[in-house]
Amino acid sequence: MGDICDMNDVGRFMRSAEGKKHLGTLRSQLVRRRIKDITFSNEVFGVMMILHLDSGATFVVLDLSLTVDTLRDEFPEAIEE
């Protein structure tokens, strides 16, 4: 994980006019949309979920439960296969 400098940079981005505009654009692309399909991809650090929306847009979701370290902890037998 990152450090306090990373956290501060993210906070400044979220408070900035440009950050608010960018996050607002993402929100408008997602609100009131339906997920038509979900696909999964092996991305070395873990499993990435790709949401396919009814608008034709796709969004990548990174879930901590799908990181390689969590998978190793939660599913050791599956990893051994």
N, C-alpha and C. Protein backbone atom coordinates (compact mmCIF):
# COMPACT_ATOMS: atom_id res chain seq x y z
N MET A 1 0.83 -1.18 0.00
CA MET A 1 0.00 0.00 0.00
C MET A 1 0.88 1.24 0.00
N GLY A 2 0.28 2.38 -0.27
CA GLY A 2 1.00 3.64 -0.33
C GLY A 2 1.28 4.21 1.04
N ASP A 3 1.73 5.42 1.04
CA ASP A 3 2.04 6.08 2.29
C ASP A 3 1.20 7.34 2.44
N ILE A 4 1.48 8.12 3.48
CA ILE A 4 0.70 9.32 3.76
C ILE A 4 0.79 10.34 2.62
N CYS A 5 1.89 10.38 1.90
CA CYS A 5 2.00 11.30 0.76
C CYS A 5 0.99 10.94 -0.33
N ASP A 6 0.83 9.63 -0.57
CA ASP A 6 -0.15 9.19 -1.56
C ASP A 6 -1.56 9.58 -1.11
N MET A 7 -1.85 9.35 0.18
CA MET A 7 -3.16 9.67 0.71
C MET A 7 -3.44 11.17 0.61
N ASN A 8 -2.45 11.99 0.91
CA ASN A 8 -2.62 13.44 0.80
C ASN A 8 -2.84 13.87 -0.64
N ASP A 9 -2.11 13.26 -1.58
CA ASP A 9 -2.31 13.59 -3.00
C ASP A 9 -3.72 13.25 -3.45
N VAL A 10 -4.21 12.09 -3.04
CA VAL A 10 -5.57 11.68 -3.39
C VAL A 10 -6.58 12.66 -2.80
N GLY A 11 -6.37 13.04 -1.55
CA GLY A 11 -7.27 14.00 -0.90
C GLY A 11 -7.30 15.34 -1.62
N ARG A 12 -6.14 15.84 -2.01
CA ARG A 12 -6.08 17.11 -2.76
C ARG A 12 -6.79 16.98 -4.10
N PHE A 13 -6.59 15.84 -4.77
CA PHE A 13 -7.28 15.62 -6.04
C PHE A 13 -8.79 15.65 -5.84
N MET A 14 -9.27 14.95 -4.81
CA MET A 14 -10.72 14.87 -4.58
C MET A 14 -11.33 16.22 -4.21
N ARG A 15 -10.56 17.11 -3.60
CA ARG A 15 -11.06 18.44 -3.23
C ARG A 15 -10.94 19.46 -4.36
N SER A 16 -10.11 19.17 -5.35
CA SER A 16 -9.87 20.13 -6.43
C SER A 16 -11.06 20.21 -7.38
N ALA A 17 -11.15 21.33 -8.09
CA ALA A 17 -12.21 21.50 -9.09
C ALA A 17 -12.10 20.44 -10.18
N GLU A 18 -10.86 20.18 -10.64
CA GLU A 18 -10.67 19.17 -11.69
C GLU A 18 -11.05 17.77 -11.20
N GLY A 19 -10.67 17.47 -9.95
CA GLY A 19 -11.00 16.17 -9.37
C GLY A 19 -12.50 16.00 -9.23
N LYS A 20 -13.18 17.01 -8.72
CA LYS A 20 -14.64 16.95 -8.56
C LYS A 20 -15.31 16.77 -9.91
N LYS A 21 -14.81 17.47 -10.92
CA LYS A 21 -15.40 17.33 -12.27
C LYS A 21 -15.20 15.91 -12.80
N HIS A 22 -13.99 15.38 -12.65
CA HIS A 22 -13.71 14.02 -13.14
C HIS A 22 -14.56 12.99 -12.40
N LEU A 23 -14.64 13.08 -11.09
CA LEU A 23 -15.46 12.14 -10.33
C LEU A 23 -16.94 12.30 -10.66
N GLY A 24 -17.38 13.52 -10.90
CA GLY A 24 -18.76 13.75 -11.31
C GLY A 24 -19.08 13.11 -12.64
N THR A 25 -18.12 13.18 -13.57
CA THR A 25 -18.31 12.53 -14.88
C THR A 25 -18.44 11.03 -14.70
N LEU A 26 -17.58 10.44 -13.87
CA LEU A 26 -17.69 9.00 -13.62
C LEU A 26 -19.02 8.65 -12.98
N ARG A 27 -19.44 9.46 -12.02
CA ARG A 27 -20.73 9.22 -11.36
C ARG A 27 -21.87 9.23 -12.38
N SER A 28 -21.87 10.22 -13.25
CA SER A 28 -22.96 10.34 -14.23
C SER A 28 -22.97 9.17 -15.21
N GLN A 29 -21.82 8.57 -15.45
CA GLN A 29 -21.76 7.41 -16.34
C GLN A 29 -22.27 6.14 -15.67
N LEU A 30 -22.32 6.14 -14.35
CA LEU A 30 -22.72 4.94 -13.62
C LEU A 30 -24.12 4.99 -13.01
N VAL A 31 -24.55 6.17 -12.56
CA VAL A 31 -25.84 6.28 -11.89
C VAL A 31 -26.97 5.91 -12.86
N ARG A 32 -27.88 5.11 -12.36
CA ARG A 32 -29.06 4.64 -13.10
C ARG A 32 -28.72 3.76 -14.31
N ARG A 33 -27.54 3.21 -14.31
CA ARG A 33 -27.16 2.25 -15.36
C ARG A 33 -27.33 0.85 -14.81
N ARG A 34 -27.49 -0.08 -15.70
CA ARG A 34 -27.59 -1.48 -15.30
C ARG A 34 -26.37 -2.24 -15.81
N ILE A 35 -25.96 -3.20 -15.02
CA ILE A 35 -24.85 -4.07 -15.42
C ILE A 35 -25.43 -5.17 -16.29
N LYS A 36 -24.97 -5.24 -17.53
CA LYS A 36 -25.44 -6.28 -18.45
C LYS A 36 -24.62 -7.55 -18.31
N ASP A 37 -23.33 -7.40 -17.99
CA ASP A 37 -22.46 -8.56 -17.88
C ASP A 37 -21.25 -8.19 -17.04
N ILE A 38 -20.58 -9.19 -16.52
CA ILE A 38 -19.34 -9.01 -15.80
C ILE A 38 -18.36 -10.05 -16.32
N THR A 39 -17.17 -9.59 -16.70
CA THR A 39 -16.11 -10.52 -17.09
C THR A 39 -14.95 -10.35 -16.12
N PHE A 40 -14.05 -11.33 -16.12
CA PHE A 40 -12.93 -11.33 -15.20
C PHE A 40 -11.63 -11.49 -15.99
N SER A 41 -10.58 -10.88 -15.46
CA SER A 41 -9.28 -10.92 -16.13
C SER A 41 -8.18 -11.12 -15.11
N ASN A 42 -7.18 -11.95 -15.45
CA ASN A 42 -6.00 -12.16 -14.61
C ASN A 42 -5.05 -11.00 -14.86
N GLU A 43 -4.80 -10.20 -13.83
CA GLU A 43 -3.96 -9.02 -13.97
C GLU A 43 -2.73 -9.05 -13.08
N VAL A 44 -2.19 -10.22 -12.79
CA VAL A 44 -0.98 -10.44 -12.00
C VAL A 44 -1.20 -10.11 -10.53
N PHE A 45 -1.67 -8.91 -10.21
CA PHE A 45 -1.91 -8.51 -8.81
C PHE A 45 -3.16 -9.15 -8.26
N GLY A 46 -3.99 -9.71 -9.16
CA GLY A 46 -5.24 -10.33 -8.75
C GLY A 46 -6.20 -10.42 -9.91
N VAL A 47 -7.45 -10.67 -9.56
CA VAL A 47 -8.50 -10.78 -10.56
C VAL A 47 -9.17 -9.41 -10.71
N MET A 48 -9.27 -8.94 -11.93
CA MET A 48 -9.93 -7.68 -12.22
C MET A 48 -11.34 -7.99 -12.72
N MET A 49 -12.33 -7.27 -12.21
CA MET A 49 -13.70 -7.39 -12.71
C MET A 49 -13.94 -6.26 -13.71
N ILE A 50 -14.59 -6.60 -14.80
CA ILE A 50 -14.94 -5.61 -15.80
C ILE A 50 -16.45 -5.60 -15.92
N LEU A 51 -17.05 -4.46 -15.55
CA LEU A 51 -18.50 -4.31 -15.63
C LEU A 51 -18.87 -3.79 -17.01
N HIS A 52 -19.81 -4.45 -17.65
CA HIS A 52 -20.31 -4.04 -18.96
C HIS A 52 -21.71 -3.47 -18.75
N LEU A 53 -21.86 -2.17 -18.99
CA LEU A 53 -23.12 -1.49 -18.70
C LEU A 53 -24.04 -1.44 -19.90
N ASP A 54 -25.31 -1.18 -19.63
CA ASP A 54 -26.30 -1.10 -20.70
C ASP A 54 -26.04 0.06 -21.65
N SER A 55 -25.24 1.02 -21.24
CA SER A 55 -24.90 2.16 -22.10
C SER A 55 -23.80 1.82 -23.09
N GLY A 56 -23.18 0.64 -22.92
CA GLY A 56 -22.05 0.26 -23.76
C GLY A 56 -20.71 0.56 -23.10
N ALA A 57 -20.74 1.32 -22.02
CA ALA A 57 -19.51 1.65 -21.29
C ALA A 57 -19.03 0.44 -20.50
N THR A 58 -17.74 0.39 -20.23
CA THR A 58 -17.17 -0.63 -19.36
C THR A 58 -16.40 0.05 -18.24
N PHE A 59 -16.44 -0.57 -17.07
CA PHE A 59 -15.73 -0.05 -15.91
C PHE A 59 -14.96 -1.17 -15.25
N VAL A 60 -13.73 -0.87 -14.89
CA VAL A 60 -12.87 -1.82 -14.20
C VAL A 60 -13.09 -1.66 -12.70
N VAL A 61 -13.25 -2.79 -12.02
CA VAL A 61 -13.43 -2.79 -10.57
C VAL A 61 -12.30 -3.60 -9.96
N LEU A 62 -11.61 -2.99 -9.01
CA LEU A 62 -10.55 -3.68 -8.28
C LEU A 62 -11.07 -3.93 -6.88
N ASP A 63 -11.29 -5.19 -6.55
CA ASP A 63 -11.85 -5.57 -5.25
C ASP A 63 -10.73 -6.20 -4.42
N LEU A 64 -10.56 -5.73 -3.19
CA LEU A 64 -9.49 -6.25 -2.34
C LEU A 64 -9.63 -7.75 -2.08
N SER A 65 -10.86 -8.27 -2.16
CA SER A 65 -11.05 -9.71 -1.94
C SER A 65 -10.50 -10.54 -3.09
N LEU A 66 -10.12 -9.89 -4.19
CA LEU A 66 -9.60 -10.60 -5.35
C LEU A 66 -8.12 -10.36 -5.60
N THR A 67 -7.42 -9.76 -4.62
CA THR A 67 -5.97 -9.58 -4.77
C THR A 67 -5.28 -10.93 -4.56
N VAL A 68 -4.12 -11.08 -5.13
CA VAL A 68 -3.42 -12.37 -5.07
C VAL A 68 -3.13 -12.78 -3.62
N ASP A 69 -2.79 -11.84 -2.76
CA ASP A 69 -2.52 -12.19 -1.36
C ASP A 69 -3.78 -12.71 -0.66
N THR A 70 -4.91 -12.06 -0.91
CA THR A 70 -6.16 -12.53 -0.31
C THR A 70 -6.55 -13.89 -0.86
N LEU A 71 -6.39 -14.08 -2.16
CA LEU A 71 -6.71 -15.38 -2.77
C LEU A 71 -5.84 -16.49 -2.16
N ARG A 72 -4.57 -16.19 -1.96
CA ARG A 72 -3.68 -17.18 -1.33
C ARG A 72 -4.13 -17.52 0.08
N ASP A 73 -4.56 -16.50 0.84
CA ASP A 73 -5.02 -16.73 2.21
C ASP A 73 -6.36 -17.46 2.26
N GLU A 74 -7.29 -17.06 1.41
CA GLU A 74 -8.66 -17.58 1.47
C GLU A 74 -8.85 -18.91 0.72
N PHE A 75 -8.07 -19.14 -0.30
CA PHE A 75 -8.27 -20.31 -1.15
C PHE A 75 -6.95 -21.07 -1.38
N PRO A 76 -6.26 -21.48 -0.32
CA PRO A 76 -4.96 -22.13 -0.51
C PRO A 76 -5.05 -23.42 -1.31
N GLU A 77 -6.13 -24.17 -1.14
CA GLU A 77 -6.28 -25.43 -1.88
C GLU A 77 -6.43 -25.19 -3.37
N ALA A 78 -7.18 -24.17 -3.72
CA ALA A 78 -7.37 -23.85 -5.14
C ALA A 78 -6.06 -23.39 -5.77
N ILE A 79 -5.25 -22.68 -5.00
CA ILE A 79 -3.97 -22.20 -5.51
C ILE A 79 -3.01 -23.37 -5.74
N GLU A 80 -3.12 -24.39 -4.93
CA GLU A 80 -2.24 -25.57 -5.03
C GLU A 80 -2.56 -26.45 -6.23
N GLU A 81 -3.77 -26.35 -6.78
CA GLU A 81 -4.16 -27.23 -7.89
C GLU A 81 -3.37 -26.95 -9.14
